[in-house]
Amino acid sequence: MATITLLPDEVILLILENESISMEDLMSFASTCKRFQSITQNNKLWEKKFYQR
């Protein structure tokens, strides 16, 4: 069975950059585990989310 935890960080970032993922979704995702918290601390990701608003 495949899970998101098997994906490389770069692929997870690409998924999170999708316009359908809100800032609130990112914060919820970050709260699930330390690895995801680390991934979501990417400045370019938040910059893209800011301009998608």
N, C-alpha and C. Protein backbone atom coordinates (compact mmCIF):
# COMPACT_ATOMS: atom_id res chain seq x y z
N MET A 1 0.84 -1.18 0.00
CA MET A 1 0.00 0.00 0.00
C MET A 1 0.89 1.25 0.00
N ALA A 2 0.63 2.16 -0.91
CA ALA A 2 1.41 3.39 -1.02
C ALA A 2 0.85 4.46 -0.08
N THR A 3 1.76 5.21 0.50
CA THR A 3 1.35 6.34 1.35
C THR A 3 2.17 7.56 0.97
N ILE A 4 1.69 8.71 1.36
CA ILE A 4 2.39 9.95 1.04
C ILE A 4 3.78 10.00 1.68
N THR A 5 3.95 9.29 2.77
CA THR A 5 5.24 9.31 3.47
C THR A 5 6.35 8.65 2.65
N LEU A 6 5.99 7.88 1.63
CA LEU A 6 7.00 7.24 0.78
C LEU A 6 7.50 8.18 -0.31
N LEU A 7 6.80 9.28 -0.53
CA LEU A 7 7.20 10.22 -1.58
C LEU A 7 8.38 11.07 -1.12
N PRO A 8 9.26 11.43 -2.07
CA PRO A 8 10.36 12.33 -1.73
C PRO A 8 9.81 13.73 -1.39
N ASP A 9 10.55 14.47 -0.60
CA ASP A 9 10.13 15.82 -0.19
C ASP A 9 9.81 16.70 -1.39
N GLU A 10 10.59 16.58 -2.45
CA GLU A 10 10.40 17.43 -3.63
C GLU A 10 9.03 17.18 -4.26
N VAL A 11 8.59 15.94 -4.28
CA VAL A 11 7.29 15.61 -4.86
C VAL A 11 6.16 16.13 -3.96
N ILE A 12 6.34 16.00 -2.67
CA ILE A 12 5.34 16.53 -1.74
C ILE A 12 5.22 18.04 -1.91
N LEU A 13 6.33 18.72 -2.08
CA LEU A 13 6.30 20.17 -2.30
C LEU A 13 5.52 20.51 -3.57
N LEU A 14 5.73 19.76 -4.62
CA LEU A 14 4.99 20.00 -5.87
C LEU A 14 3.49 19.83 -5.65
N ILE A 15 3.10 18.85 -4.88
CA ILE A 15 1.69 18.64 -4.58
C ILE A 15 1.14 19.81 -3.78
N LEU A 16 1.89 20.25 -2.78
CA LEU A 16 1.43 21.34 -1.91
C LEU A 16 1.36 22.67 -2.63
N GLU A 17 2.11 22.83 -3.70
CA GLU A 17 2.07 24.07 -4.47
C GLU A 17 0.80 24.21 -5.30
N ASN A 18 0.04 23.14 -5.44
CA ASN A 18 -1.18 23.17 -6.23
C ASN A 18 -2.13 24.23 -5.69
N GLU A 19 -2.78 24.93 -6.60
CA GLU A 19 -3.68 26.03 -6.21
C GLU A 19 -4.86 25.58 -5.37
N SER A 20 -5.21 24.30 -5.45
CA SER A 20 -6.36 23.82 -4.67
C SER A 20 -6.02 23.60 -3.20
N ILE A 21 -4.73 23.66 -2.85
CA ILE A 21 -4.29 23.51 -1.46
C ILE A 21 -4.21 24.91 -0.84
N SER A 22 -5.02 25.14 0.17
CA SER A 22 -5.05 26.47 0.81
C SER A 22 -3.95 26.59 1.87
N MET A 23 -3.76 27.81 2.35
CA MET A 23 -2.81 28.04 3.44
C MET A 23 -3.24 27.29 4.69
N GLU A 24 -4.55 27.24 4.91
CA GLU A 24 -5.07 26.50 6.07
C GLU A 24 -4.77 25.01 5.93
N ASP A 25 -4.89 24.50 4.70
CA ASP A 25 -4.55 23.09 4.45
C ASP A 25 -3.08 22.84 4.76
N LEU A 26 -2.22 23.77 4.36
CA LEU A 26 -0.79 23.63 4.63
C LEU A 26 -0.51 23.58 6.13
N MET A 27 -1.17 24.44 6.87
CA MET A 27 -0.96 24.45 8.32
C MET A 27 -1.43 23.15 8.96
N SER A 28 -2.55 22.63 8.49
CA SER A 28 -3.04 21.35 9.00
C SER A 28 -2.09 20.22 8.65
N PHE A 29 -1.61 20.23 7.41
CA PHE A 29 -0.66 19.21 6.95
C PHE A 29 0.61 19.26 7.79
N ALA A 30 1.09 20.45 8.06
CA ALA A 30 2.32 20.62 8.83
C ALA A 30 2.19 20.08 10.25
N SER A 31 0.98 20.08 10.77
CA SER A 31 0.78 19.64 12.15
C SER A 31 0.73 18.12 12.31
N THR A 32 0.80 17.39 11.21
CA THR A 32 0.66 15.93 11.29
C THR A 32 1.93 15.21 11.71
N CYS A 33 3.10 15.74 11.34
CA CYS A 33 4.36 15.11 11.77
C CYS A 33 5.52 16.08 11.55
N LYS A 34 6.64 15.79 12.17
CA LYS A 34 7.81 16.69 12.10
C LYS A 34 8.35 16.81 10.68
N ARG A 35 8.32 15.72 9.93
CA ARG A 35 8.83 15.78 8.55
C ARG A 35 7.98 16.73 7.72
N PHE A 36 6.67 16.62 7.83
CA PHE A 36 5.79 17.49 7.06
C PHE A 36 5.89 18.93 7.53
N GLN A 37 6.12 19.13 8.81
CA GLN A 37 6.34 20.48 9.33
C GLN A 37 7.58 21.08 8.68
N SER A 38 8.62 20.29 8.58
CA SER A 38 9.86 20.75 7.97
C SER A 38 9.66 21.08 6.49
N ILE A 39 8.94 20.22 5.79
CA ILE A 39 8.69 20.45 4.36
C ILE A 39 7.92 21.75 4.15
N THR A 40 6.94 22.01 4.99
CA THR A 40 6.10 23.20 4.81
C THR A 40 6.76 24.49 5.27
N GLN A 41 7.95 24.42 5.80
CA GLN A 41 8.67 25.63 6.18
C GLN A 41 9.48 26.21 5.02
N ASN A 42 9.24 25.69 3.83
CA ASN A 42 9.91 26.16 2.63
C ASN A 42 9.38 27.56 2.26
N ASN A 43 10.26 28.54 2.21
CA ASN A 43 9.84 29.92 1.93
C ASN A 43 9.21 30.08 0.55
N LYS A 44 9.73 29.39 -0.44
CA LYS A 44 9.17 29.51 -1.79
C LYS A 44 7.74 28.99 -1.85
N LEU A 45 7.47 27.95 -1.08
CA LEU A 45 6.11 27.41 -1.02
C LEU A 45 5.14 28.47 -0.50
N TRP A 46 5.49 29.14 0.60
CA TRP A 46 4.62 30.15 1.19
C TRP A 46 4.50 31.38 0.29
N GLU A 47 5.58 31.70 -0.40
CA GLU A 47 5.52 32.82 -1.35
C GLU A 47 4.52 32.51 -2.47
N LYS A 48 4.57 31.30 -2.99
CA LYS A 48 3.62 30.91 -4.04
C LYS A 48 2.19 30.93 -3.52
N LYS A 49 2.00 30.46 -2.30
CA LYS A 49 0.66 30.46 -1.71
C LYS A 49 0.15 31.89 -1.53
N PHE A 50 1.02 32.79 -1.14
CA PHE A 50 0.64 34.18 -0.96
C PHE A 50 0.12 34.77 -2.27
N TYR A 51 0.82 34.50 -3.37
CA TYR A 51 0.42 35.06 -4.65
C TYR A 51 -0.75 34.33 -5.29
N GLN A 52 -1.08 33.15 -4.80
CA GLN A 52 -2.24 32.41 -5.31
C GLN A 52 -3.54 32.93 -4.72
N ARG A 53 -3.46 33.68 -3.63
CA ARG A 53 -4.68 34.16 -2.97
C ARG A 53 -5.50 35.03 -3.87
